[in-house]
C-alpha atoms as a PDB file:
ATOM      1  CA  MET A   1       5.574  38.702   6.578  1.00  0.00           C
ATOM      2  CA  PRO A   2       9.426  39.317   6.219  1.00  0.00           C
ATOM      3  CA  TRP A   3      11.657  36.445   5.012  1.00  0.00           C
ATOM      4  CA  LEU A   4      13.623  36.181   8.432  1.00  0.00           C
ATOM      5  CA  GLU A   5       9.835  35.908  10.716  1.00  0.00           C
ATOM      6  CA  ALA A   6       9.119  33.599   7.873  1.00  0.00           C
ATOM      7  CA  LEU A   7      12.447  31.432   8.053  1.00  0.00           C
ATOM      8  CA  GLY A   8      11.768  31.468  12.215  1.00  0.00           C
ATOM      9  CA  TRP A   9       8.437  29.827  11.359  1.00  0.00           C
ATOM     10  CA  ILE A  10       9.327  27.367   9.173  1.00  0.00           C
ATOM     11  CA  GLY A  11      12.096  26.127  11.723  1.00  0.00           C
ATOM     12  CA  ALA A  12       9.683  26.316  14.605  1.00  0.00           C
ATOM     13  CA  VAL A  13       7.068  24.124  12.810  1.00  0.00           C
ATOM     14  CA  LEU A  14       9.501  21.341  11.603  1.00  0.00           C
ATOM     15  CA  ALA A  15      11.076  21.228  14.889  1.00  0.00           C
ATOM     16  CA  VAL A  16       7.852  20.334  16.653  1.00  0.00           C
ATOM     17  CA  TYR A  17       6.866  18.023  13.607  1.00  0.00           C
ATOM     18  CA  SER A  18       9.856  16.076  13.973  1.00  0.00           C
ATOM     19  CA  VAL A  19       9.164  15.516  17.679  1.00  0.00           C
ATOM     20  CA  LEU A  20       6.195  13.978  16.741  1.00  0.00           C
ATOM     21  CA  GLN A  21       7.632  10.989  14.726  1.00  0.00           C
ATOM     22  CA  ASN A  22       7.465   7.488  15.429  1.00  0.00           C
ATOM     23  CA  ARG A  23      10.198   6.353  12.900  1.00  0.00           C
ATOM     24  CA  LEU A  24      13.611   6.840  14.810  1.00  0.00           C
ATOM     25  CA  LEU A  25      15.405   8.162  11.627  1.00  0.00           C
ATOM     26  CA  TRP A  26      13.188   9.492  10.179  1.00  0.00           C
ATOM     27  CA  PHE A  27      12.881  11.855  13.498  1.00  0.00           C
ATOM     28  CA  ARG A  28      16.802  12.387  13.352  1.00  0.00           C
ATOM     29  CA  VAL A  29      16.556  13.747   9.703  1.00  0.00           C
ATOM     30  CA  ALA A  30      13.498  15.931  10.337  1.00  0.00           C
ATOM     31  CA  HIS A  31      15.399  17.209  13.153  1.00  0.00           C
ATOM     32  CA  VAL A  32      18.651  17.764  11.338  1.00  0.00           C
ATOM     33  CA  VAL A  33      16.487  20.622   9.051  1.00  0.00           C
ATOM     34  CA  ALA A  34      15.151  21.885  12.269  1.00  0.00           C
ATOM     35  CA  CYS A  35      17.881  22.575  13.573  1.00  0.00           C
ATOM     36  CA  LEU A  36      19.534  23.529  10.634  1.00  0.00           C
ATOM     37  CA  VAL A  37      16.946  26.537   9.681  1.00  0.00           C
ATOM     38  CA  LEU A  38      16.699  27.278  13.617  1.00  0.00           C
ATOM     39  CA  VAL A  39      20.887  27.652  13.325  1.00  0.00           C
ATOM     40  CA  LEU A  40      20.480  30.406   9.560  1.00  0.00           C
ATOM     41  CA  TYR A  41      17.512  32.006  11.405  1.00  0.00           C
ATOM     42  CA  SER A  42      18.965  32.787  14.884  1.00  0.00           C
ATOM     43  CA  ALA A  43      22.242  33.681  13.234  1.00  0.00           C
ATOM     44  CA  SER A  44      20.935  36.349  11.260  1.00  0.00           C
ATOM     45  CA  LEU A  45      19.510  38.157  14.576  1.00  0.00           C
ATOM     46  CA  HIS A  46      22.972  37.247  16.116  1.00  0.00           C
ATOM     47  CA  ILE A  47      21.472  35.518  19.116  1.00  0.00           C
ATOM     48  CA  TRP A  48      24.271  33.096  19.352  1.00  0.00           C
ATOM     49  CA  PRO A  49      23.610  31.258  22.549  1.00  0.00           C
ATOM     50  CA  ILE A  50      20.766  29.535  20.290  1.00  0.00           C
ATOM     51  CA  VAL A  51      22.665  29.152  17.477  1.00  0.00           C
ATOM     52  CA  LEU A  52      25.496  27.100  19.342  1.00  0.00           C
ATOM     53  CA  LEU A  53      22.621  25.220  21.083  1.00  0.00           C
ATOM     54  CA  THR A  54      20.864  24.391  17.894  1.00  0.00           C
ATOM     55  CA  GLY A  55      23.708  23.714  16.394  1.00  0.00           C
ATOM     56  CA  ALA A  56      25.136  21.685  18.874  1.00  0.00           C
ATOM     57  CA  LEU A  57      21.619  20.222  18.462  1.00  0.00           C
ATOM     58  CA  ALA A  58      22.305  19.240  14.906  1.00  0.00           C
ATOM     59  CA  VAL A  59      25.633  17.749  15.066  1.00  0.00           C
ATOM     60  CA  VAL A  60      24.143  15.810  17.864  1.00  0.00           C
ATOM     61  CA  ASP A  61      21.071  14.594  14.973  1.00  0.00           C
ATOM     62  CA  LEU A  62      23.885  13.930  12.213  1.00  0.00           C
ATOM     63  CA  TRP A  63      25.572  11.746  14.414  1.00  0.00           C
ATOM     64  CA  PHE A  64      23.275   9.384  15.571  1.00  0.00           C
ATOM     65  CA  VAL A  65      21.492   9.678  11.995  1.00  0.00           C
ATOM     66  CA  VAL A  66      25.105   8.338  10.544  1.00  0.00           C
ATOM     67  CA  ARG A  67      24.849   5.936  13.061  1.00  0.00           C
ATOM     68  CA  LEU A  68      21.789   4.426  12.175  1.00  0.00           C
ATOM     69  CA  LEU A  69      22.055   4.420   8.604  1.00  0.00           C
ATOM     70  CA  ARG A  70      25.322   2.410   9.484  1.00  0.00           C
ATOM     71  CA  GLU A  71      23.528  -0.182  11.053  1.00  0.00           C
ATOM     72  CA  ARG A  72      20.567  -0.577   8.761  1.00  0.00           C
ATOM     73  CA  HIS A  73      21.669  -3.773   7.371  1.00  0.00           C
ATOM     74  CA  ASP A  74      24.824  -4.820  10.318  1.00  0.00           C
ATOM     75  CA  SER A  75      23.659  -8.100  11.642  1.00  0.00           C
ATOM     76  CA  GLN A  76      26.135  -6.603  14.638  1.00  0.00           C
ATOM     77  CA  ALA A  77      23.025  -4.219  15.690  1.00  0.00           C
ATOM     78  CA  PHE A  78      20.456  -6.727  16.168  1.00  0.00           C
ATOM     79  CA  THR A  79      20.133 -10.022  17.528  1.00  0.00           C
ATOM     80  CA  VAL A  80      17.868 -12.571  16.215  1.00  0.00           C
ATOM     81  CA  LEU A  81      16.053 -14.805  19.627  1.00  0.00           C
ATOM     82  CA  GLU A  82      13.811 -17.464  18.792  1.00  0.00           C
ATOM     83  CA  VAL A  83      11.310 -18.359  21.305  1.00  0.00           C
ATOM     84  CA  GLY A  84       8.235 -20.717  21.699  1.00  0.00           C
ATOM     85  CA  PRO A  85       5.242 -19.856  19.478  1.00  0.00           C
ATOM     86  CA  LEU A  86       3.315 -19.884  22.662  1.00  0.00           C
ATOM     87  CA  ASP A  87       6.215 -17.780  24.479  1.00  0.00           C
ATOM     88  CA  GLU A  88       3.982 -15.100  26.617  1.00  0.00           C
ATOM     89  CA  TYR A  89       6.029 -12.623  25.809  1.00  0.00           C
ATOM     90  CA  LEU A  90       5.360 -13.191  22.412  1.00  0.00           C
ATOM     91  CA  ARG A  91       2.085 -13.004  23.253  1.00  0.00           C
ATOM     92  CA  HIS A  92       2.288  -9.704  24.683  1.00  0.00           C
ATOM     93  CA  ILE A  93       3.690  -8.485  21.661  1.00  0.00           C
ATOM     94  CA  LEU A  94       1.029  -9.598  19.392  1.00  0.00           C
ATOM     95  CA  ARG A  95      -1.765  -8.162  21.704  1.00  0.00           C
ATOM     96  CA  ILE A  96       0.159  -5.055  22.419  1.00  0.00           C
ATOM     97  CA  HIS A  97       0.723  -4.228  18.261  1.00  0.00           C
ATOM     98  CA  SER A  98      -2.194  -5.774  17.383  1.00  0.00           C
ATOM     99  CA  VAL A  99      -3.809  -2.689  15.934  1.00  0.00           C
ATOM    100  CA  ASP A 100      -0.593  -1.913  13.980  1.00  0.00           C
ATOM    101  CA  ILE A 101       0.228  -5.600  12.676  1.00  0.00           C
ATOM    102  CA  GLU A 102      -3.722  -5.697  11.570  1.00  0.00           C
ATOM    103  CA  GLN A 103      -3.312  -2.500   9.331  1.00  0.00           C
ATOM    104  CA  PHE A 104      -0.224  -4.047   7.731  1.00  0.00           C
ATOM    105  CA  GLN A 105      -1.123  -7.413   7.272  1.00  0.00           C
ATOM    106  CA  PRO A 106      -4.663  -7.404   7.479  1.00  0.00           C
ATOM    107  CA  GLY A 107      -6.594 -10.627   8.359  1.00  0.00           C
ATOM    108  CA  PHE A 108      -3.592 -12.036  10.667  1.00  0.00           C
ATOM    109  CA  VAL A 109      -3.774 -14.977  13.196  1.00  0.00           C
ATOM    110  CA  TRP A 110      -1.235 -16.651  14.941  1.00  0.00           C
ATOM    111  CA  ASP A 111      -2.141 -20.270  15.428  1.00  0.00           C
ATOM    112  CA  GLY A 112       1.120 -20.957  18.182  1.00  0.00           C
ATOM    113  CA  ALA A 113      -0.185 -24.461  19.056  1.00  0.00           C
ATOM    114  CA  ALA A 114      -0.531 -26.016  15.859  1.00  0.00           C
ATOM    115  CA  PRO A 115       2.681 -28.351  15.148  1.00  0.00           C
ATOM    116  CA  GLY A 116       4.864 -26.471  12.520  1.00  0.00           C
ATOM    117  CA  HIS A 117       5.273 -23.304  13.634  1.00  0.00           C
ATOM    118  CA  SER A 118       8.356 -21.342  14.930  1.00  0.00           C
ATOM    119  CA  ALA A 119       8.870 -18.053  16.196  1.00  0.00           C
ATOM    120  CA  TYR A 120      11.548 -15.253  16.014  1.00  0.00           C
ATOM    121  CA  LEU A 121      12.303 -12.058  18.072  1.00  0.00           C
ATOM    122  CA  VAL A 122      14.548  -9.742  16.653  1.00  0.00           C
ATOM    123  CA  LEU A 123      16.326  -6.864  19.683  1.00  0.00           C
ATOM    124  CA  ARG A 124      18.209  -3.824  19.110  1.00  0.00           C
ATOM    125  CA  ASP A 125      19.952  -3.501  22.620  1.00  0.00           C
ATOM    126  CA  GLU A 126      17.121  -4.483  24.899  1.00  0.00           C
ATOM    127  CA  GLU A 127      14.191  -3.441  22.723  1.00  0.00           C
ATOM    128  CA  THR A 128      12.362  -5.877  20.952  1.00  0.00           C
ATOM    129  CA  VAL A 129      11.864  -4.503  17.175  1.00  0.00           C
ATOM    130  CA  GLY A 130      10.681  -6.676  14.936  1.00  0.00           C
ATOM    131  CA  VAL A 131       8.362 -10.278  14.926  1.00  0.00           C
ATOM    132  CA  VAL A 132       8.914 -13.194  12.550  1.00  0.00           C
ATOM    133  CA  LEU A 133       6.452 -16.021  12.637  1.00  0.00           C
ATOM    134  CA  VAL A 134       6.919 -19.156  10.611  1.00  0.00           C
ATOM    135  CA  ARG A 135       4.521 -21.871   9.389  1.00  0.00           C
ATOM    136  CA  ASP A 136       5.892 -24.883   7.921  1.00  0.00           C
ATOM    137  CA  ALA A 137       4.061 -25.498   4.219  1.00  0.00           C
ATOM    138  CA  GLY A 138       5.355 -28.717   4.080  1.00  0.00           C
ATOM    139  CA  GLU A 139       7.836 -30.177   0.881  1.00  0.00           C
ATOM    140  CA  GLY A 140      10.264 -27.495   2.945  1.00  0.00           C
ATOM    141  CA  VAL A 141       8.254 -24.644   2.166  1.00  0.00           C
ATOM    142  CA  ALA A 142       8.256 -22.218   5.821  1.00  0.00           C
ATOM    143  CA  GLN A 143       5.583 -19.842   5.091  1.00  0.00           C
ATOM    144  CA  VAL A 144       6.195 -16.303   6.644  1.00  0.00           C
ATOM    145  CA  GLU A 145       2.627 -15.740   8.800  1.00  0.00           C
ATOM    146  CA  LEU A 146       3.863 -12.657  10.200  1.00  0.00           C
ATOM    147  CA  ASP A 147       7.050  -9.847   9.810  1.00  0.00           C
ATOM    148  CA  TYR A 148       6.121  -7.442  11.803  1.00  0.00           C
ATOM    149  CA  VAL A 149       8.502  -3.755  12.738  1.00  0.00           C
ATOM    150  CA  THR A 150       7.831  -1.576  15.420  1.00  0.00           C
ATOM    151  CA  PRO A 151       7.108   1.637  14.685  1.00  0.00           C
ATOM    152  CA  ARG A 152      10.169   3.525  15.643  1.00  0.00           C
ATOM    153  CA  TYR A 153      12.154   1.161  13.284  1.00  0.00           C
ATOM    154  CA  ARG A 154       9.925   0.904  10.258  1.00  0.00           C
ATOM    155  CA  ASP A 155      12.570   2.637   8.340  1.00  0.00           C
ATOM    156  CA  PHE A 156      14.652  -0.500   8.708  1.00  0.00           C
ATOM    157  CA  ALA A 157      14.214  -4.214   8.351  1.00  0.00           C
ATOM    158  CA  PRO A 158      15.237  -5.734  11.355  1.00  0.00           C
ATOM    159  CA  GLY A 159      13.481  -9.470   9.335  1.00  0.00           C
ATOM    160  CA  GLU A 160      16.439  -9.332   7.363  1.00  0.00           C
ATOM    161  CA  PHE A 161      18.434 -10.250  10.120  1.00  0.00           C
ATOM    162  CA  VAL A 162      15.934 -13.975  10.613  1.00  0.00           C
ATOM    163  CA  TYR A 163      16.615 -14.777   6.391  1.00  0.00           C
ATOM    164  CA  ARG A 164      20.106 -14.158   6.850  1.00  0.00           C
ATOM    165  CA  ARG A 165      20.215 -16.908   9.726  1.00  0.00           C
ATOM    166  CA  SER A 166      19.956 -19.546   7.168  1.00  0.00           C
ATOM    167  CA  GLY A 167      20.928 -22.327   9.783  1.00  0.00           C
ATOM    168  CA  LEU A 168      17.158 -20.945  11.317  1.00  0.00           C
ATOM    169  CA  PHE A 169      15.706 -22.560   8.101  1.00  0.00           C
ATOM    170  CA  ARG A 170      17.891 -25.443   6.769  1.00  0.00           C
ATOM    171  CA  SER A 171      18.116 -27.291  10.518  1.00  0.00           C
ATOM    172  CA  ARG A 172      14.504 -27.602  10.131  1.00  0.00           C
ATOM    173  CA  GLY A 173      14.232 -28.939   6.163  1.00  0.00           C
ATOM    174  CA  PHE A 174      13.220 -25.846   4.210  1.00  0.00           C
ATOM    175  CA  HIS A 175      14.836 -25.077   1.308  1.00  0.00           C
ATOM    176  CA  THR A 176      12.435 -22.019   0.374  1.00  0.00           C
ATOM    177  CA  VAL A 177      11.399 -19.000   2.439  1.00  0.00           C
ATOM    178  CA  VAL A 178       7.822 -17.530   1.055  1.00  0.00           C
ATOM    179  CA  THR A 179       6.633 -14.284   2.412  1.00  0.00           C
ATOM    180  CA  PRO A 180       2.825 -13.782   3.054  1.00  0.00           C
ATOM    181  CA  PRO A 181       0.007 -12.400   0.708  1.00  0.00           C
ATOM    182  CA  GLY A 182      -1.697  -9.281   0.946  1.00  0.00           C
ATOM    183  CA  MET A 183       0.844  -7.637   2.692  1.00  0.00           C
ATOM    184  CA  VAL A 184       1.105  -4.102   3.156  1.00  0.00           C
ATOM    185  CA  GLU A 185       4.290  -1.981   1.515  1.00  0.00           C
ATOM    186  CA  PRO A 186       6.503  -5.102   1.533  1.00  0.00           C
ATOM    187  CA  TYR A 187      10.025  -4.434   1.883  1.00  0.00           C
ATOM    188  CA  TYR A 188      11.551  -8.054   0.682  1.00  0.00           C
ATOM    189  CA  ASP A 189      12.635  -6.812  -3.483  1.00  0.00           C
ATOM    190  CA  ARG A 190      15.273  -4.999  -1.498  1.00  0.00           C
ATOM    191  CA  LEU A 191      16.714  -8.576   0.271  1.00  0.00           C
ATOM    192  CA  GLY A 192      16.775 -10.327  -3.232  1.00  0.00           C
ATOM    193  CA  PHE A 193      13.372 -11.808  -2.588  1.00  0.00           C
ATOM    194  CA  GLU A 194      11.856 -13.213  -5.926  1.00  0.00           C
ATOM    195  CA  ARG A 195       7.964 -11.522  -6.745  1.00  0.00           C
ATOM    196  CA  ARG A 196       5.628 -14.576  -7.473  1.00  0.00           C
ATOM    197  CA  GLY A 197       1.710 -13.382  -6.982  1.00  0.00           C
ATOM    198  CA  GLU A 198       0.951 -11.725  -3.966  1.00  0.00           C
ATOM    199  CA  SER A 199       4.100 -13.465  -2.264  1.00  0.00           C
ATOM    200  CA  TYR A 200       7.974 -13.072  -2.287  1.00  0.00           C
ATOM    201  CA  VAL A 201      10.033 -16.190  -2.107  1.00  0.00           C
ATOM    202  CA  ILE A 202      13.617 -16.626  -1.424  1.00  0.00           C
ATOM    203  CA  PRO A 203      15.842 -19.704  -1.482  1.00  0.00           C
ATOM    204  CA  VAL A 204      17.480 -21.005   1.700  1.00  0.00           C
ATOM    205  CA  ARG A 205      21.355 -20.598   1.169  1.00  0.00           C
END
């Protein structure tokens, strides 16, 4: 197979691969690479309309990649909304994502009716992208029962915006936040949490 034909096939495969991605950031990155490969392929064959199309798509994708990376830790891009532990919309989110939640936090069960429980939704624009559920473990310790991110935003850590807003915890008398043990692919070391056994711990500042 000539190298030029191989280049075209690589670009086509990458384009299909990119649109199959659930993660928003990874989709944009993979699509940029696919478009750039197709630009080279089309330019080599002097197919200028395709060069223009794929080049324009690459520029758009790059703009979104830069924007997403800038907003990754920008508290202005995400909104933390406290809801009741038995809120019907919260129950709906937990229900539709139950299989995915079980994959990342095996054995999770939420007893919102028990005292000392609180719930937070993390939103980006009008989309719910994360859920953090907390239980009062006593002696000023907030035990995180669930820290879940929807698949589209798995390259982000929207739960960090709940932990950043220390007033959410301090107003309830908490001085320490402890993450759930046995969590798959935890990200807390990037947020300044200290690992203790199977959990991570951070003081409320």
